[in-house]
Amino acid sequence: MRAVITVIGKDKIGIIAGISNILANCSVNILDISQTTMQDVFTMVMLVDISKLSVQFAELSEQLENKGVEMGLSVKIQHEDIFNSMHRI
């Protein structure tokens, strides 16, 4: 099972570390990551493997959203199939 994580907000030190730490603590493997900064706006998309997730999906989502609030970011996670359905042309 895979999921897509999106992160958007003002660029600052520690964003990738903060998100990655939560993922590691929940046994989530990062498969692919793309990030860019446009002026001072940070954007990141991660494809992650949640097949060995050690907590409920809802709890992971809450932890990521709370980290986002703490850092002034928008952090969302969606199952890959839902993400693909929502972004189909």
N, C-alpha and C. Protein backbone atom coordinates (compact mmCIF):
# COMPACT_ATOMS: atom_id res chain seq x y z
N MET A 1 0.83 -1.18 0.00
CA MET A 1 0.00 0.00 0.00
C MET A 1 0.88 1.24 0.00
N ARG A 2 0.46 2.21 -0.79
CA ARG A 2 1.23 3.45 -0.88
C ARG A 2 0.32 4.64 -0.63
N ALA A 3 0.96 5.74 -0.25
CA ALA A 3 0.24 6.99 0.00
C ALA A 3 1.06 8.15 -0.53
N VAL A 4 0.38 9.28 -0.73
CA VAL A 4 1.01 10.51 -1.21
C VAL A 4 0.88 11.56 -0.12
N ILE A 5 2.00 12.18 0.21
CA ILE A 5 2.04 13.25 1.22
C ILE A 5 2.40 14.54 0.50
N THR A 6 1.63 15.60 0.77
CA THR A 6 1.95 16.92 0.23
C THR A 6 2.23 17.88 1.37
N VAL A 7 3.24 18.72 1.17
CA VAL A 7 3.63 19.70 2.17
C VAL A 7 3.81 21.04 1.46
N ILE A 8 3.15 22.07 1.97
CA ILE A 8 3.25 23.41 1.37
C ILE A 8 3.33 24.43 2.49
N GLY A 9 4.22 25.39 2.33
CA GLY A 9 4.30 26.47 3.32
C GLY A 9 5.55 27.30 3.15
N LYS A 10 5.75 28.21 4.08
CA LYS A 10 6.93 29.07 4.07
C LYS A 10 8.17 28.22 4.35
N ASP A 11 9.19 28.41 3.55
CA ASP A 11 10.43 27.63 3.70
C ASP A 11 11.11 27.94 5.02
N LYS A 12 11.60 26.89 5.67
CA LYS A 12 12.37 27.03 6.91
C LYS A 12 13.20 25.77 7.11
N ILE A 13 14.16 25.86 7.97
CA ILE A 13 15.03 24.74 8.29
C ILE A 13 14.24 23.66 9.02
N GLY A 14 14.45 22.40 8.63
CA GLY A 14 13.90 21.26 9.38
C GLY A 14 12.61 20.68 8.87
N ILE A 15 12.08 21.17 7.76
CA ILE A 15 10.80 20.65 7.28
C ILE A 15 10.92 19.16 6.92
N ILE A 16 11.88 18.83 6.07
CA ILE A 16 12.03 17.43 5.65
C ILE A 16 12.35 16.55 6.85
N ALA A 17 13.20 17.02 7.74
CA ALA A 17 13.55 16.25 8.93
C ALA A 17 12.33 16.01 9.81
N GLY A 18 11.51 17.02 10.01
CA GLY A 18 10.33 16.89 10.85
C GLY A 18 9.34 15.87 10.31
N ILE A 19 9.08 15.92 9.01
CA ILE A 19 8.15 14.98 8.39
C ILE A 19 8.76 13.58 8.36
N SER A 20 10.01 13.49 7.97
CA SER A 20 10.68 12.18 7.89
C SER A 20 10.76 11.48 9.22
N ASN A 21 10.95 12.23 10.30
CA ASN A 21 11.02 11.65 11.63
C ASN A 21 9.70 10.97 12.01
N ILE A 22 8.59 11.63 11.73
CA ILE A 22 7.28 11.04 12.00
C ILE A 22 7.12 9.75 11.19
N LEU A 23 7.49 9.80 9.92
CA LEU A 23 7.34 8.63 9.07
C LEU A 23 8.18 7.46 9.59
N ALA A 24 9.41 7.72 9.97
CA ALA A 24 10.28 6.66 10.49
C ALA A 24 9.71 6.06 11.77
N ASN A 25 9.19 6.91 12.66
CA ASN A 25 8.62 6.43 13.91
C ASN A 25 7.37 5.59 13.71
N CYS A 26 6.71 5.75 12.57
CA CYS A 26 5.49 5.00 12.26
C CYS A 26 5.75 3.87 11.26
N SER A 27 7.01 3.56 11.00
CA SER A 27 7.42 2.48 10.09
C SER A 27 6.95 2.70 8.65
N VAL A 28 7.04 3.94 8.19
CA VAL A 28 6.68 4.31 6.83
C VAL A 28 7.97 4.53 6.05
N ASN A 29 8.07 3.92 4.87
CA ASN A 29 9.26 4.05 4.03
C ASN A 29 9.01 5.08 2.93
N ILE A 30 9.93 6.00 2.76
CA ILE A 30 9.85 6.99 1.68
C ILE A 30 10.36 6.34 0.40
N LEU A 31 9.49 6.27 -0.61
CA LEU A 31 9.85 5.68 -1.90
C LEU A 31 10.39 6.71 -2.87
N ASP A 32 9.80 7.90 -2.84
CA ASP A 32 10.21 8.96 -3.76
C ASP A 32 9.86 10.29 -3.11
N ILE A 33 10.66 11.29 -3.41
CA ILE A 33 10.43 12.61 -2.83
C ILE A 33 10.82 13.67 -3.86
N SER A 34 9.98 14.68 -3.97
CA SER A 34 10.26 15.81 -4.85
C SER A 34 9.96 17.07 -4.05
N GLN A 35 10.92 17.96 -4.00
CA GLN A 35 10.70 19.22 -3.28
C GLN A 35 11.33 20.36 -4.04
N THR A 36 10.73 21.51 -3.88
CA THR A 36 11.26 22.71 -4.51
C THR A 36 10.89 23.91 -3.66
N THR A 37 11.65 24.96 -3.83
CA THR A 37 11.36 26.22 -3.17
C THR A 37 11.24 27.29 -4.24
N MET A 38 10.10 27.97 -4.27
CA MET A 38 9.89 29.08 -5.19
C MET A 38 9.85 30.35 -4.35
N GLN A 39 10.89 31.15 -4.48
CA GLN A 39 11.12 32.30 -3.60
C GLN A 39 11.16 31.78 -2.17
N ASP A 40 10.16 32.05 -1.33
CA ASP A 40 10.21 31.52 0.03
C ASP A 40 9.10 30.51 0.29
N VAL A 41 8.48 29.98 -0.77
CA VAL A 41 7.42 28.98 -0.64
C VAL A 41 8.00 27.59 -0.89
N PHE A 42 7.86 26.73 0.12
CA PHE A 42 8.36 25.36 0.05
C PHE A 42 7.22 24.44 -0.36
N THR A 43 7.49 23.56 -1.33
CA THR A 43 6.52 22.54 -1.72
C THR A 43 7.22 21.19 -1.78
N MET A 44 6.54 20.16 -1.33
CA MET A 44 7.12 18.82 -1.35
C MET A 44 6.00 17.80 -1.58
N VAL A 45 6.31 16.80 -2.39
CA VAL A 45 5.43 15.66 -2.59
C VAL A 45 6.25 14.42 -2.31
N MET A 46 5.70 13.53 -1.49
CA MET A 46 6.37 12.27 -1.15
C MET A 46 5.46 11.10 -1.51
N LEU A 47 6.04 10.07 -2.10
CA LEU A 47 5.35 8.81 -2.29
C LEU A 47 5.91 7.87 -1.24
N VAL A 48 5.04 7.30 -0.40
CA VAL A 48 5.51 6.49 0.72
C VAL A 48 4.84 5.12 0.71
N ASP A 49 5.55 4.15 1.27
CA ASP A 49 5.05 2.79 1.45
C ASP A 49 4.49 2.68 2.86
N ILE A 50 3.18 2.40 2.96
CA ILE A 50 2.55 2.30 4.27
C ILE A 50 2.18 0.85 4.61
N SER A 51 2.75 -0.09 3.91
CA SER A 51 2.39 -1.50 4.13
C SER A 51 2.81 -2.01 5.51
N LYS A 52 3.80 -1.39 6.14
CA LYS A 52 4.26 -1.81 7.47
C LYS A 52 3.92 -0.76 8.53
N LEU A 53 2.94 0.06 8.24
CA LEU A 53 2.52 1.14 9.14
C LEU A 53 2.24 0.59 10.54
N SER A 54 2.86 1.19 11.55
CA SER A 54 2.74 0.69 12.92
C SER A 54 1.64 1.37 13.73
N VAL A 55 0.92 2.31 13.12
CA VAL A 55 -0.21 2.99 13.75
C VAL A 55 -1.36 3.00 12.75
N GLN A 56 -2.53 3.39 13.19
CA GLN A 56 -3.66 3.53 12.27
C GLN A 56 -3.38 4.68 11.30
N PHE A 57 -3.90 4.56 10.07
CA PHE A 57 -3.70 5.60 9.06
C PHE A 57 -4.17 6.95 9.57
N ALA A 58 -5.31 6.98 10.25
CA ALA A 58 -5.85 8.24 10.78
C ALA A 58 -4.90 8.88 11.79
N GLU A 59 -4.22 8.06 12.59
CA GLU A 59 -3.27 8.58 13.56
C GLU A 59 -2.04 9.19 12.87
N LEU A 60 -1.55 8.52 11.83
CA LEU A 60 -0.44 9.06 11.05
C LEU A 60 -0.84 10.40 10.45
N SER A 61 -2.02 10.46 9.87
CA SER A 61 -2.50 11.70 9.27
C SER A 61 -2.56 12.81 10.31
N GLU A 62 -3.05 12.49 11.50
CA GLU A 62 -3.14 13.49 12.57
C GLU A 62 -1.76 13.96 13.00
N GLN A 63 -0.81 13.05 13.14
CA GLN A 63 0.55 13.42 13.52
C GLN A 63 1.16 14.36 12.49
N LEU A 64 0.97 14.04 11.20
CA LEU A 64 1.52 14.88 10.14
C LEU A 64 0.87 16.26 10.13
N GLU A 65 -0.46 16.29 10.28
CA GLU A 65 -1.15 17.58 10.30
C GLU A 65 -0.72 18.41 11.51
N ASN A 66 -0.54 17.77 12.67
CA ASN A 66 -0.09 18.49 13.86
C ASN A 66 1.31 19.06 13.67
N LYS A 67 2.19 18.30 13.03
CA LYS A 67 3.54 18.80 12.74
C LYS A 67 3.44 20.00 11.79
N GLY A 68 2.52 19.92 10.85
CA GLY A 68 2.30 21.04 9.93
C GLY A 68 1.87 22.29 10.68
N VAL A 69 0.92 22.15 11.59
CA VAL A 69 0.46 23.29 12.39
C VAL A 69 1.62 23.87 13.19
N GLU A 70 2.39 22.98 13.81
CA GLU A 70 3.55 23.40 14.61
C GLU A 70 4.55 24.20 13.79
N MET A 71 4.72 23.81 12.52
CA MET A 71 5.72 24.44 11.66
C MET A 71 5.13 25.48 10.71
N GLY A 72 3.83 25.71 10.78
CA GLY A 72 3.19 26.68 9.89
C GLY A 72 3.06 26.18 8.47
N LEU A 73 2.78 24.88 8.30
CA LEU A 73 2.70 24.26 6.98
C LEU A 73 1.36 23.56 6.80
N SER A 74 1.00 23.32 5.56
CA SER A 74 -0.11 22.44 5.24
C SER A 74 0.48 21.08 4.90
N VAL A 75 0.11 20.05 5.67
CA VAL A 75 0.62 18.69 5.43
C VAL A 75 -0.58 17.77 5.31
N LYS A 76 -0.70 17.10 4.17
CA LYS A 76 -1.82 16.19 3.91
C LYS A 76 -1.28 14.85 3.43
N ILE A 77 -1.98 13.77 3.80
CA ILE A 77 -1.65 12.44 3.31
C ILE A 77 -2.92 11.82 2.76
N GLN A 78 -2.78 11.12 1.61
CA GLN A 78 -3.90 10.42 0.99
C GLN A 78 -3.41 9.07 0.50
N HIS A 79 -4.30 8.07 0.57
CA HIS A 79 -3.97 6.80 -0.07
C HIS A 79 -3.74 7.07 -1.55
N GLU A 80 -2.81 6.36 -2.15
CA GLU A 80 -2.44 6.60 -3.55
C GLU A 80 -3.63 6.48 -4.48
N ASP A 81 -4.50 5.49 -4.29
CA ASP A 81 -5.64 5.32 -5.19
C ASP A 81 -6.61 6.50 -5.13
N ILE A 82 -6.81 7.07 -3.94
CA ILE A 82 -7.67 8.24 -3.81
C ILE A 82 -7.02 9.45 -4.48
N PHE A 83 -5.71 9.61 -4.25
CA PHE A 83 -4.97 10.71 -4.88
C PHE A 83 -5.09 10.63 -6.41
N ASN A 84 -4.87 9.43 -6.95
CA ASN A 84 -4.94 9.24 -8.40
C ASN A 84 -6.33 9.52 -8.94
N SER A 85 -7.37 9.08 -8.23
CA SER A 85 -8.75 9.32 -8.66
C SER A 85 -9.07 10.81 -8.68
N MET A 86 -8.59 11.53 -7.69
CA MET A 86 -8.88 12.97 -7.60
C MET A 86 -8.13 13.77 -8.65
N HIS A 87 -7.01 13.26 -9.16
CA HIS A 87 -6.20 14.02 -10.10
C HIS A 87 -6.20 13.44 -11.50
N ARG A 88 -7.20 12.64 -11.80
CA ARG A 88 -7.34 12.08 -13.14
C ARG A 88 -7.98 13.12 -14.04
N ILE A 89 -7.46 13.25 -15.25
CA ILE A 89 -8.01 14.24 -16.20
C ILE A 89 -9.05 13.58 -17.06
